[in-house]
Amino acid sequence: MIANNPLFLIPTLTGFIFIVAGFIQYKFPPKNINAFYGYRTNKSMRNQKSWDFAQLYSSKLMMKLGLMLTLMGMIGLIYTPSETIGAIIAVGLLIATVVTLALKVENKLK
């Protein structure tokens, strides 16, 4: 059943959240370096140019990765593993997505 399948629920819902968060950050990027809103790392907060680039690049990448995560969640429509295995796979996909986002943005900031 789809409602009990973490392999469907976790990637689909978090992918949707990534898309929405990326869209909001793209449309309303933080103008100034701050500790509350936006893509915040030492490299992104180094100077205003790095900050502006990081906000634009990370928001676009977040939307793309969110779409990919949502599509990967569709695997749960055709494959129903045990709840534990499904959760492990889903959390693995989520971690891989977050790590990919951070690595790609940080590499672009070099």
PDB file of N, CA and C in Angstrom:
ATOM      1  N   MET A   1       0.841  -1.181   0.000  1.00  0.00           N
ATOM      2  CA  MET A   1       0.000   0.000   0.000  1.00  0.00           C
ATOM      3  C   MET A   1       0.886   1.243   0.000  1.00  0.00           C
ATOM      4  N   ILE A   2       0.541   2.212  -0.825  1.00  0.00           N
ATOM      5  CA  ILE A   2       1.346   3.415  -0.998  1.00  0.00           C
ATOM      6  C   ILE A   2       1.446   4.225   0.287  1.00  0.00           C
ATOM      7  N   ALA A   3       0.374   4.329   1.038  1.00  0.00           N
ATOM      8  CA  ALA A   3       0.367   5.148   2.255  1.00  0.00           C
ATOM      9  C   ALA A   3       1.356   4.638   3.299  1.00  0.00           C
ATOM     10  N   ASN A   4       1.713   3.371   3.234  1.00  0.00           N
ATOM     11  CA  ASN A   4       2.646   2.793   4.201  1.00  0.00           C
ATOM     12  C   ASN A   4       4.034   2.565   3.620  1.00  0.00           C
ATOM     13  N   ASN A   5       4.273   3.001   2.402  1.00  0.00           N
ATOM     14  CA  ASN A   5       5.534   2.720   1.733  1.00  0.00           C
ATOM     15  C   ASN A   5       6.494   3.901   1.865  1.00  0.00           C
ATOM     16  N   PRO A   6       7.477   3.809   2.763  1.00  0.00           N
ATOM     17  CA  PRO A   6       8.410   4.922   2.941  1.00  0.00           C
ATOM     18  C   PRO A   6       9.250   5.190   1.699  1.00  0.00           C
ATOM     19  N   LEU A   7       9.422   4.187   0.849  1.00  0.00           N
ATOM     20  CA  LEU A   7      10.176   4.382  -0.387  1.00  0.00           C
ATOM     21  C   LEU A   7       9.435   5.316  -1.340  1.00  0.00           C
ATOM     22  N   PHE A   8       8.137   5.410  -1.188  1.00  0.00           N
ATOM     23  CA  PHE A   8       7.340   6.375  -1.957  1.00  0.00           C
ATOM     24  C   PHE A   8       7.207   7.687  -1.192  1.00  0.00           C
ATOM     25  N   LEU A   9       6.822   7.604   0.070  1.00  0.00           N
ATOM     26  CA  LEU A   9       6.496   8.809   0.845  1.00  0.00           C
ATOM     27  C   LEU A   9       7.680   9.735   1.090  1.00  0.00           C
ATOM     28  N   ILE A  10       8.784   9.206   1.575  1.00  0.00           N
ATOM     29  CA  ILE A  10       9.911  10.061   1.975  1.00  0.00           C
ATOM     30  C   ILE A  10      10.506  10.814   0.788  1.00  0.00           C
ATOM     31  N   PRO A  11      10.903  10.139  -0.294  1.00  0.00           N
ATOM     32  CA  PRO A  11      11.478  10.897  -1.410  1.00  0.00           C
ATOM     33  C   PRO A  11      10.477  11.830  -2.089  1.00  0.00           C
ATOM     34  N   THR A  12       9.232  11.404  -2.205  1.00  0.00           N
ATOM     35  CA  THR A  12       8.237  12.236  -2.881  1.00  0.00           C
ATOM     36  C   THR A  12       7.957  13.506  -2.087  1.00  0.00           C
ATOM     37  N   LEU A  13       7.729  13.372  -0.801  1.00  0.00           N
ATOM     38  CA  LEU A  13       7.425  14.548   0.023  1.00  0.00           C
ATOM     39  C   LEU A  13       8.631  15.466   0.190  1.00  0.00           C
ATOM     40  N   THR A  14       9.797  14.897   0.466  1.00  0.00           N
ATOM     41  CA  THR A  14      10.979  15.755   0.620  1.00  0.00           C
ATOM     42  C   THR A  14      11.393  16.356  -0.714  1.00  0.00           C
ATOM     43  N   GLY A  15      11.195  15.640  -1.797  1.00  0.00           N
ATOM     44  CA  GLY A  15      11.477  16.204  -3.120  1.00  0.00           C
ATOM     45  C   GLY A  15      10.590  17.405  -3.397  1.00  0.00           C
ATOM     46  N   PHE A  16       9.321  17.287  -3.044  1.00  0.00           N
ATOM     47  CA  PHE A  16       8.391  18.407  -3.211  1.00  0.00           C
ATOM     48  C   PHE A  16       8.820  19.594  -2.348  1.00  0.00           C
ATOM     49  N   ILE A  17       9.247  19.319  -1.127  1.00  0.00           N
ATOM     50  CA  ILE A  17       9.720  20.390  -0.237  1.00  0.00           C
ATOM     51  C   ILE A  17      10.958  21.060  -0.830  1.00  0.00           C
ATOM     52  N   PHE A  18      11.872  20.273  -1.392  1.00  0.00           N
ATOM     53  CA  PHE A  18      13.056  20.846  -2.045  1.00  0.00           C
ATOM     54  C   PHE A  18      12.646  21.765  -3.190  1.00  0.00           C
ATOM     55  N   ILE A  19      11.692  21.334  -3.994  1.00  0.00           N
ATOM     56  CA  ILE A  19      11.238  22.145  -5.130  1.00  0.00           C
ATOM     57  C   ILE A  19      10.653  23.463  -4.633  1.00  0.00           C
ATOM     58  N   VAL A  20       9.779  23.397  -3.658  1.00  0.00           N
ATOM     59  CA  VAL A  20       9.141  24.610  -3.122  1.00  0.00           C
ATOM     60  C   VAL A  20      10.176  25.524  -2.469  1.00  0.00           C
ATOM     61  N   ALA A  21      11.065  24.966  -1.654  1.00  0.00           N
ATOM     62  CA  ALA A  21      12.089  25.783  -0.986  1.00  0.00           C
ATOM     63  C   ALA A  21      13.032  26.414  -2.007  1.00  0.00           C
ATOM     64  N   GLY A  22      13.421  25.649  -3.019  1.00  0.00           N
ATOM     65  CA  GLY A  22      14.284  26.191  -4.066  1.00  0.00           C
ATOM     66  C   GLY A  22      13.604  27.302  -4.833  1.00  0.00           C
ATOM     67  N   PHE A  23      12.319  27.133  -5.115  1.00  0.00           N
ATOM     68  CA  PHE A  23      11.560  28.162  -5.833  1.00  0.00           C
ATOM     69  C   PHE A  23      11.456  29.441  -5.004  1.00  0.00           C
ATOM     70  N   ILE A  24      11.152  29.294  -3.730  1.00  0.00           N
ATOM     71  CA  ILE A  24      11.050  30.470  -2.847  1.00  0.00           C
ATOM     72  C   ILE A  24      12.393  31.187  -2.772  1.00  0.00           C
ATOM     73  N   GLN A  25      13.468  30.419  -2.621  1.00  0.00           N
ATOM     74  CA  GLN A  25      14.791  31.038  -2.540  1.00  0.00           C
ATOM     75  C   GLN A  25      15.175  31.686  -3.866  1.00  0.00           C
ATOM     76  N   TYR A  26      14.753  31.104  -4.975  1.00  0.00           N
ATOM     77  CA  TYR A  26      15.049  31.674  -6.294  1.00  0.00           C
ATOM     78  C   TYR A  26      14.288  32.984  -6.502  1.00  0.00           C
ATOM     79  N   LYS A  27      13.017  32.987  -6.137  1.00  0.00           N
ATOM     80  CA  LYS A  27      12.181  34.179  -6.331  1.00  0.00           C
ATOM     81  C   LYS A  27      12.463  35.270  -5.306  1.00  0.00           C
ATOM     82  N   PHE A  28      12.820  34.872  -4.100  1.00  0.00           N
ATOM     83  CA  PHE A  28      13.064  35.832  -3.018  1.00  0.00           C
ATOM     84  C   PHE A  28      14.423  35.560  -2.370  1.00  0.00           C
ATOM     85  N   PRO A  29      15.509  35.744  -3.126  1.00  0.00           N
ATOM     86  CA  PRO A  29      16.827  35.439  -2.555  1.00  0.00           C
ATOM     87  C   PRO A  29      17.202  36.440  -1.470  1.00  0.00           C
ATOM     88  N   PRO A  30      17.940  35.989  -0.480  1.00  0.00           N
ATOM     89  CA  PRO A  30      18.397  36.932   0.540  1.00  0.00           C
ATOM     90  C   PRO A  30      19.380  37.911  -0.094  1.00  0.00           C
ATOM     91  N   LYS A  31      19.144  39.175   0.113  1.00  0.00           N
ATOM     92  CA  LYS A  31      19.968  40.211  -0.522  1.00  0.00           C
ATOM     93  C   LYS A  31      21.334  40.337   0.136  1.00  0.00           C
ATOM     94  N   ASN A  32      21.359  40.235   1.442  1.00  0.00           N
ATOM     95  CA  ASN A  32      22.601  40.426   2.184  1.00  0.00           C
ATOM     96  C   ASN A  32      22.989  39.154   2.919  1.00  0.00           C
ATOM     97  N   ILE A  33      24.265  39.017   3.180  1.00  0.00           N
ATOM     98  CA  ILE A  33      24.774  37.873   3.926  1.00  0.00           C
ATOM     99  C   ILE A  33      24.129  37.873   5.312  1.00  0.00           C
ATOM    100  N   ASN A  34      23.558  36.727   5.678  1.00  0.00           N
ATOM    101  CA  ASN A  34      22.898  36.618   6.980  1.00  0.00           C
ATOM    102  C   ASN A  34      22.999  35.191   7.492  1.00  0.00           C
ATOM    103  N   ALA A  35      22.670  34.996   8.722  1.00  0.00           N
ATOM    104  CA  ALA A  35      22.763  33.672   9.345  1.00  0.00           C
ATOM    105  C   ALA A  35      21.404  32.985   9.466  1.00  0.00           C
ATOM    106  N   PHE A  36      20.372  33.536   8.810  1.00  0.00           N
ATOM    107  CA  PHE A  36      19.024  33.001   8.997  1.00  0.00           C
ATOM    108  C   PHE A  36      18.406  32.378   7.756  1.00  0.00           C
ATOM    109  N   TYR A  37      18.684  32.916   6.572  1.00  0.00           N
ATOM    110  CA  TYR A  37      17.956  32.508   5.376  1.00  0.00           C
ATOM    111  C   TYR A  37      18.909  32.412   4.200  1.00  0.00           C
ATOM    112  N   GLY A  38      18.823  31.317   3.466  1.00  0.00           N
ATOM    113  CA  GLY A  38      19.636  31.139   2.276  1.00  0.00           C
ATOM    114  C   GLY A  38      20.630  30.002   2.446  1.00  0.00           C
ATOM    115  N   TYR A  39      21.447  29.818   1.420  1.00  0.00           N
ATOM    116  CA  TYR A  39      22.500  28.808   1.452  1.00  0.00           C
ATOM    117  C   TYR A  39      23.661  29.401   2.238  1.00  0.00           C
ATOM    118  N   ARG A  40      23.921  28.855   3.437  1.00  0.00           N
ATOM    119  CA  ARG A  40      24.892  29.458   4.354  1.00  0.00           C
ATOM    120  C   ARG A  40      26.027  28.489   4.681  1.00  0.00           C
ATOM    121  N   THR A  41      27.193  28.773   4.133  1.00  0.00           N
ATOM    122  CA  THR A  41      28.420  28.064   4.500  1.00  0.00           C
ATOM    123  C   THR A  41      29.529  29.106   4.591  1.00  0.00           C
ATOM    124  N   ASN A  42      30.685  28.688   5.079  1.00  0.00           N
ATOM    125  CA  ASN A  42      31.802  29.632   5.163  1.00  0.00           C
ATOM    126  C   ASN A  42      32.143  30.206   3.793  1.00  0.00           C
ATOM    127  N   LYS A  43      32.155  29.346   2.771  1.00  0.00           N
ATOM    128  CA  LYS A  43      32.493  29.825   1.425  1.00  0.00           C
ATOM    129  C   LYS A  43      31.426  30.761   0.875  1.00  0.00           C
ATOM    130  N   SER A  44      30.169  30.446   1.097  1.00  0.00           N
ATOM    131  CA  SER A  44      29.109  31.297   0.545  1.00  0.00           C
ATOM    132  C   SER A  44      29.032  32.639   1.260  1.00  0.00           C
ATOM    133  N   MET A  45      29.465  32.676   2.515  1.00  0.00           N
ATOM    134  CA  MET A  45      29.395  33.911   3.295  1.00  0.00           C
ATOM    135  C   MET A  45      30.713  34.703   3.261  1.00  0.00           C
ATOM    136  N   ARG A  46      31.628  34.267   2.418  1.00  0.00           N
ATOM    137  CA  ARG A  46      32.947  34.894   2.321  1.00  0.00           C
ATOM    138  C   ARG A  46      32.861  36.352   1.876  1.00  0.00           C
ATOM    139  N   ASN A  47      32.043  36.614   0.862  1.00  0.00           N
ATOM    140  CA  ASN A  47      31.847  37.983   0.371  1.00  0.00           C
ATOM    141  C   ASN A  47      30.506  38.053  -0.354  1.00  0.00           C
ATOM    142  N   GLN A  48      30.081  39.239  -0.721  1.00  0.00           N
ATOM    143  CA  GLN A  48      28.757  39.418  -1.325  1.00  0.00           C
ATOM    144  C   GLN A  48      28.642  38.712  -2.678  1.00  0.00           C
ATOM    145  N   LYS A  49      29.718  38.713  -3.457  1.00  0.00           N
ATOM    146  CA  LYS A  49      29.691  38.051  -4.769  1.00  0.00           C
ATOM    147  C   LYS A  49      29.471  36.542  -4.603  1.00  0.00           C
ATOM    148  N   SER A  50      30.199  35.928  -3.682  1.00  0.00           N
ATOM    149  CA  SER A  50      30.023  34.495  -3.411  1.00  0.00           C
ATOM    150  C   SER A  50      28.622  34.214  -2.884  1.00  0.00           C
ATOM    151  N   TRP A  51      28.134  35.080  -2.015  1.00  0.00           N
ATOM    152  CA  TRP A  51      26.801  34.929  -1.443  1.00  0.00           C
ATOM    153  C   TRP A  51      25.732  34.945  -2.538  1.00  0.00           C
ATOM    154  N   ASP A  52      25.798  35.941  -3.409  1.00  0.00           N
ATOM    155  CA  ASP A  52      24.802  36.064  -4.473  1.00  0.00           C
ATOM    156  C   ASP A  52      24.840  34.863  -5.411  1.00  0.00           C
ATOM    157  N   PHE A  53      26.049  34.429  -5.780  1.00  0.00           N
ATOM    158  CA  PHE A  53      26.179  33.269  -6.650  1.00  0.00           C
ATOM    159  C   PHE A  53      25.613  32.019  -5.979  1.00  0.00           C
ATOM    160  N   ALA A  54      25.970  31.805  -4.716  1.00  0.00           N
ATOM    161  CA  ALA A  54      25.528  30.609  -3.993  1.00  0.00           C
ATOM    162  C   ALA A  54      24.006  30.544  -3.889  1.00  0.00           C
ATOM    163  N   GLN A  55      23.367  31.688  -3.682  1.00  0.00           N
ATOM    164  CA  GLN A  55      21.906  31.700  -3.555  1.00  0.00           C
ATOM    165  C   GLN A  55      21.242  31.296  -4.867  1.00  0.00           C
ATOM    166  N   LEU A  56      21.720  31.853  -5.966  1.00  0.00           N
ATOM    167  CA  LEU A  56      21.135  31.551  -7.273  1.00  0.00           C
ATOM    168  C   LEU A  56      21.408  30.103  -7.671  1.00  0.00           C
ATOM    169  N   TYR A  57      22.663  29.697  -7.574  1.00  0.00           N
ATOM    170  CA  TYR A  57      23.043  28.354  -7.996  1.00  0.00           C
ATOM    171  C   TYR A  57      22.369  27.286  -7.131  1.00  0.00           C
ATOM    172  N   SER A  58      22.387  27.472  -5.815  1.00  0.00           N
ATOM    173  CA  SER A  58      21.805  26.456  -4.931  1.00  0.00           C
ATOM    174  C   SER A  58      20.293  26.355  -5.095  1.00  0.00           C
ATOM    175  N   SER A  59      19.627  27.470  -5.345  1.00  0.00           N
ATOM    176  CA  SER A  59      18.170  27.412  -5.509  1.00  0.00           C
ATOM    177  C   SER A  59      17.794  26.654  -6.778  1.00  0.00           C
ATOM    178  N   LYS A  60      18.511  26.903  -7.868  1.00  0.00           N
ATOM    179  CA  LYS A  60      18.238  26.169  -9.114  1.00  0.00           C
ATOM    180  C   LYS A  60      18.544  24.685  -8.945  1.00  0.00           C
ATOM    181  N   LEU A  61      19.679  24.392  -8.324  1.00  0.00           N
ATOM    182  CA  LEU A  61      20.065  22.998  -8.114  1.00  0.00           C
ATOM    183  C   LEU A  61      19.100  22.299  -7.160  1.00  0.00           C
ATOM    184  N   MET A  62      18.623  23.004  -6.151  1.00  0.00           N
ATOM    185  CA  MET A  62      17.678  22.420  -5.208  1.00  0.00           C
ATOM    186  C   MET A  62      16.379  22.023  -5.921  1.00  0.00           C
ATOM    187  N   MET A  63      15.922  22.856  -6.854  1.00  0.00           N
ATOM    188  CA  MET A  63      14.706  22.508  -7.597  1.00  0.00           C
ATOM    189  C   MET A  63      14.942  21.286  -8.476  1.00  0.00           C
ATOM    190  N   LYS A  64      16.101  21.218  -9.144  1.00  0.00           N
ATOM    191  CA  LYS A  64      16.413  20.065  -9.997  1.00  0.00           C
ATOM    192  C   LYS A  64      16.524  18.785  -9.174  1.00  0.00           C
ATOM    193  N   LEU A  65      17.250  18.868  -8.076  1.00  0.00           N
ATOM    194  CA  LEU A  65      17.410  17.687  -7.226  1.00  0.00           C
ATOM    195  C   LEU A  65      16.089  17.285  -6.576  1.00  0.00           C
ATOM    196  N   GLY A  66      15.258  18.254  -6.258  1.00  0.00           N
ATOM    197  CA  GLY A  66      13.938  17.954  -5.714  1.00  0.00           C
ATOM    198  C   GLY A  66      13.081  17.194  -6.710  1.00  0.00           C
ATOM    199  N   LEU A  67      13.160  17.601  -7.972  1.00  0.00           N
ATOM    200  CA  LEU A  67      12.422  16.888  -9.018  1.00  0.00           C
ATOM    201  C   LEU A  67      12.949  15.463  -9.150  1.00  0.00           C
ATOM    202  N   MET A  68      14.276  15.322  -9.145  1.00  0.00           N
ATOM    203  CA  MET A  68      14.859  13.982  -9.245  1.00  0.00           C
ATOM    204  C   MET A  68      14.456  13.113  -8.055  1.00  0.00           C
ATOM    205  N   LEU A  69      14.464  13.691  -6.868  1.00  0.00           N
ATOM    206  CA  LEU A  69      14.083  12.948  -5.666  1.00  0.00           C
ATOM    207  C   LEU A  69      12.615  12.528  -5.740  1.00  0.00           C
ATOM    208  N   THR A  70      11.767  13.427  -6.207  1.00  0.00           N
ATOM    209  CA  THR A  70      10.347  13.104  -6.366  1.00  0.00           C
ATOM    210  C   THR A  70      10.164  11.966  -7.364  1.00  0.00           C
ATOM    211  N   LEU A  71      10.884  12.036  -8.479  1.00  0.00           N
ATOM    212  CA  LEU A  71      10.783  10.968  -9.481  1.00  0.00           C
ATOM    213  C   LEU A  71      11.315   9.643  -8.934  1.00  0.00           C
ATOM    214  N   MET A  72      12.388   9.709  -8.139  1.00  0.00           N
ATOM    215  CA  MET A  72      12.904   8.477  -7.526  1.00  0.00           C
ATOM    216  C   MET A  72      11.885   7.885  -6.552  1.00  0.00           C
ATOM    217  N   GLY A  73      11.083   8.737  -5.950  1.00  0.00           N
ATOM    218  CA  GLY A  73      10.038   8.259  -5.059  1.00  0.00           C
ATOM    219  C   GLY A  73       8.986   7.434  -5.783  1.00  0.00           C
ATOM    220  N   MET A  74       8.885   7.644  -7.084  1.00  0.00           N
ATOM    221  CA  MET A  74       7.915   6.880  -7.870  1.00  0.00           C
ATOM    222  C   MET A  74       8.280   5.399  -7.933  1.00  0.00           C
ATOM    223  N   ILE A  75       9.536   5.088  -7.605  1.00  0.00           N
ATOM    224  CA  ILE A  75       9.937   3.677  -7.511  1.00  0.00           C
ATOM    225  C   ILE A  75       9.027   2.961  -6.516  1.00  0.00           C
ATOM    226  N   GLY A  76       8.623   3.687  -5.485  1.00  0.00           N
ATOM    227  CA  GLY A  76       7.753   3.115  -4.465  1.00  0.00           C
ATOM    228  C   GLY A  76       6.380   2.729  -4.979  1.00  0.00           C
ATOM    229  N   LEU A  77       6.021   3.209  -6.160  1.00  0.00           N
ATOM    230  CA  LEU A  77       4.738   2.807  -6.750  1.00  0.00           C
ATOM    231  C   LEU A  77       4.802   1.406  -7.338  1.00  0.00           C
ATOM    232  N   ILE A  78       6.015   0.988  -7.739  1.00  0.00           N
ATOM    233  CA  ILE A  78       6.133  -0.327  -8.371  1.00  0.00           C
ATOM    234  C   ILE A  78       6.882  -1.338  -7.508  1.00  0.00           C
ATOM    235  N   TYR A  79       7.604  -0.838  -6.509  1.00  0.00           N
ATOM    236  CA  TYR A  79       8.376  -1.719  -5.628  1.00  0.00           C
ATOM    237  C   TYR A  79       7.986  -1.428  -4.187  1.00  0.00           C
ATOM    238  N   THR A  80       7.528  -2.445  -3.498  1.00  0.00           N
ATOM    239  CA  THR A  80       7.111  -2.280  -2.109  1.00  0.00           C
ATOM    240  C   THR A  80       7.950  -3.188  -1.217  1.00  0.00           C
ATOM    241  N   PRO A  81       9.079  -2.654  -0.736  1.00  0.00           N
ATOM    242  CA  PRO A  81       9.900  -3.460   0.174  1.00  0.00           C
ATOM    243  C   PRO A  81       9.294  -3.443   1.575  1.00  0.00           C
ATOM    244  N   SER A  82       9.941  -4.138   2.488  1.00  0.00           N
ATOM    245  CA  SER A  82       9.487  -4.053   3.878  1.00  0.00           C
ATOM    246  C   SER A  82       9.633  -2.602   4.327  1.00  0.00           C
ATOM    247  N   GLU A  83       8.929  -2.245   5.371  1.00  0.00           N
ATOM    248  CA  GLU A  83       8.948  -0.859   5.838  1.00  0.00           C
ATOM    249  C   GLU A  83      10.359  -0.419   6.225  1.00  0.00           C
ATOM    250  N   THR A  84      11.097  -1.288   6.869  1.00  0.00           N
ATOM    251  CA  THR A  84      12.461  -0.953   7.296  1.00  0.00           C
ATOM    252  C   THR A  84      13.383  -0.750   6.098  1.00  0.00           C
ATOM    253  N   ILE A  85      13.355  -1.670   5.162  1.00  0.00           N
ATOM    254  CA  ILE A  85      14.203  -1.562   3.967  1.00  0.00           C
ATOM    255  C   ILE A  85      13.815  -0.328   3.164  1.00  0.00           C
ATOM    256  N   GLY A  86      12.529  -0.088   3.012  1.00  0.00           N
ATOM    257  CA  GLY A  86      12.063   1.094   2.287  1.00  0.00           C
ATOM    258  C   GLY A  86      12.543   2.380   2.933  1.00  0.00           C
ATOM    259  N   ALA A  87      12.491   2.426   4.263  1.00  0.00           N
ATOM    260  CA  ALA A  87      12.948   3.619   4.984  1.00  0.00           C
ATOM    261  C   ALA A  87      14.450   3.812   4.821  1.00  0.00           C
ATOM    262  N   ILE A  88      15.209   2.735   4.875  1.00  0.00           N
ATOM    263  CA  ILE A  88      16.665   2.828   4.706  1.00  0.00           C
ATOM    264  C   ILE A  88      17.010   3.342   3.311  1.00  0.00           C
ATOM    265  N   ILE A  89      16.371   2.801   2.296  1.00  0.00           N
ATOM    266  CA  ILE A  89      16.621   3.249   0.921  1.00  0.00           C
ATOM    267  C   ILE A  89      16.220   4.712   0.764  1.00  0.00           C
ATOM    268  N   ALA A  90      15.057   5.067   1.279  1.00  0.00           N
ATOM    269  CA  ALA A  90      14.554   6.437   1.143  1.00  0.00           C
ATOM    270  C   ALA A  90      15.457   7.445   1.842  1.00  0.00           C
ATOM    271  N   VAL A  91      15.879   7.128   3.053  1.00  0.00           N
ATOM    272  CA  VAL A  91      16.772   8.036   3.784  1.00  0.00           C
ATOM    273  C   VAL A  91      18.127   8.111   3.080  1.00  0.00           C
ATOM    274  N   GLY A  92      18.582   7.003   2.522  1.00  0.00           N
ATOM    275  CA  GLY A  92      19.824   7.010   1.739  1.00  0.00           C
ATOM    276  C   GLY A  92      19.726   7.939   0.541  1.00  0.00           C
ATOM    277  N   LEU A  93      18.592   7.898  -0.156  1.00  0.00           N
ATOM    278  CA  LEU A  93      18.370   8.808  -1.288  1.00  0.00           C
ATOM    279  C   LEU A  93      18.367  10.259  -0.828  1.00  0.00           C
ATOM    280  N   LEU A  94      17.730  10.520   0.299  1.00  0.00           N
ATOM    281  CA  LEU A  94      17.667  11.879   0.833  1.00  0.00           C
ATOM    282  C   LEU A  94      19.056  12.381   1.221  1.00  0.00           C
ATOM    283  N   ILE A  95      19.821  11.556   1.898  1.00  0.00           N
ATOM    284  CA  ILE A  95      21.180  11.946   2.287  1.00  0.00           C
ATOM    285  C   ILE A  95      22.038  12.188   1.050  1.00  0.00           C
ATOM    286  N   ALA A  96      21.940  11.307   0.065  1.00  0.00           N
ATOM    287  CA  ALA A  96      22.708  11.481  -1.172  1.00  0.00           C
ATOM    288  C   ALA A  96      22.342  12.788  -1.868  1.00  0.00           C
ATOM    289  N   THR A  97      21.072  13.155  -1.827  1.00  0.00           N
ATOM    290  CA  THR A  97      20.625  14.400  -2.453  1.00  0.00           C
ATOM    291  C   THR A  97      21.203  15.615  -1.736  1.00  0.00           C
ATOM    292  N   VAL A  98      21.153  15.613  -0.422  1.00  0.00           N
ATOM    293  CA  VAL A  98      21.679  16.745   0.357  1.00  0.00           C
ATOM    294  C   VAL A  98      23.192  16.866   0.172  1.00  0.00           C
ATOM    295  N   VAL A  99      23.897  15.742   0.198  1.00  0.00           N
ATOM    296  CA  VAL A  99      25.349  15.757   0.002  1.00  0.00           C
ATOM    297  C   VAL A  99      25.686  16.255  -1.401  1.00  0.00           C
ATOM    298  N   THR A 100      24.946  15.808  -2.401  1.00  0.00           N
ATOM    299  CA  THR A 100      25.166  16.265  -3.774  1.00  0.00           C
ATOM    300  C   THR A 100      24.981  17.768  -3.879  1.00  0.00           C
ATOM    301  N   LEU A 101      23.929  18.283  -3.272  1.00  0.00           N
ATOM    302  CA  LEU A 101      23.680  19.726  -3.287  1.00  0.00           C
ATOM    303  C   LEU A 101      24.864  20.478  -2.689  1.00  0.00           C
ATOM    304  N   ALA A 102      25.292  20.078  -1.515  1.00  0.00           N
ATOM    305  CA  ALA A 102      26.390  20.778  -0.833  1.00  0.00           C
ATOM    306  C   ALA A 102      27.694  20.677  -1.617  1.00  0.00           C
ATOM    307  N   LEU A 103      28.029  19.487  -2.099  1.00  0.00           N
ATOM    308  CA  LEU A 103      29.285  19.314  -2.833  1.00  0.00           C
ATOM    309  C   LEU A 103      29.312  20.121  -4.122  1.00  0.00           C
ATOM    310  N   LYS A 104      28.214  20.096  -4.858  1.00  0.00           N
ATOM    311  CA  LYS A 104      28.178  20.834  -6.124  1.00  0.00           C
ATOM    312  C   LYS A 104      28.289  22.339  -5.902  1.00  0.00           C
ATOM    313  N   VAL A 105      27.566  22.851  -4.932  1.00  0.00           N
ATOM    314  CA  VAL A 105      27.618  24.300  -4.674  1.00  0.00           C
ATOM    315  C   VAL A 105      28.995  24.688  -4.160  1.00  0.00           C
ATOM    316  N   GLU A 106      29.534  23.926  -3.217  1.00  0.00           N
ATOM    317  CA  GLU A 106      30.849  24.255  -2.662  1.00  0.00           C
ATOM    318  C   GLU A 106      31.939  24.188  -3.732  1.00  0.00           C
ATOM    319  N   ASN A 107      31.860  23.200  -4.633  1.00  0.00           N
ATOM    320  CA  ASN A 107      32.844  23.111  -5.717  1.00  0.00           C
ATOM    321  C   ASN A 107      32.745  24.292  -6.668  1.00  0.00           C
ATOM    322  N   LYS A 108      31.546  24.765  -6.912  1.00  0.00           N
ATOM    323  CA  LYS A 108      31.366  25.937  -7.782  1.00  0.00           C
ATOM    324  C   LYS A 108      31.867  27.212  -7.119  1.00  0.00           C
ATOM    325  N   LEU A 109      31.884  27.247  -5.812  1.00  0.00           N
ATOM    326  CA  LEU A 109      32.328  28.439  -5.088  1.00  0.00           C
ATOM    327  C   LEU A 109      33.849  28.555  -5.004  1.00  0.00           C
ATOM    328  N   LYS A 110      34.583  27.531  -5.394  1.00  0.00           N
ATOM    329  CA  LYS A 110      36.056  27.574  -5.297  1.00  0.00           C
ATOM    330  C   LYS A 110      36.647  28.644  -6.167  1.00  0.00           C
TER     331      LYS A 110
END
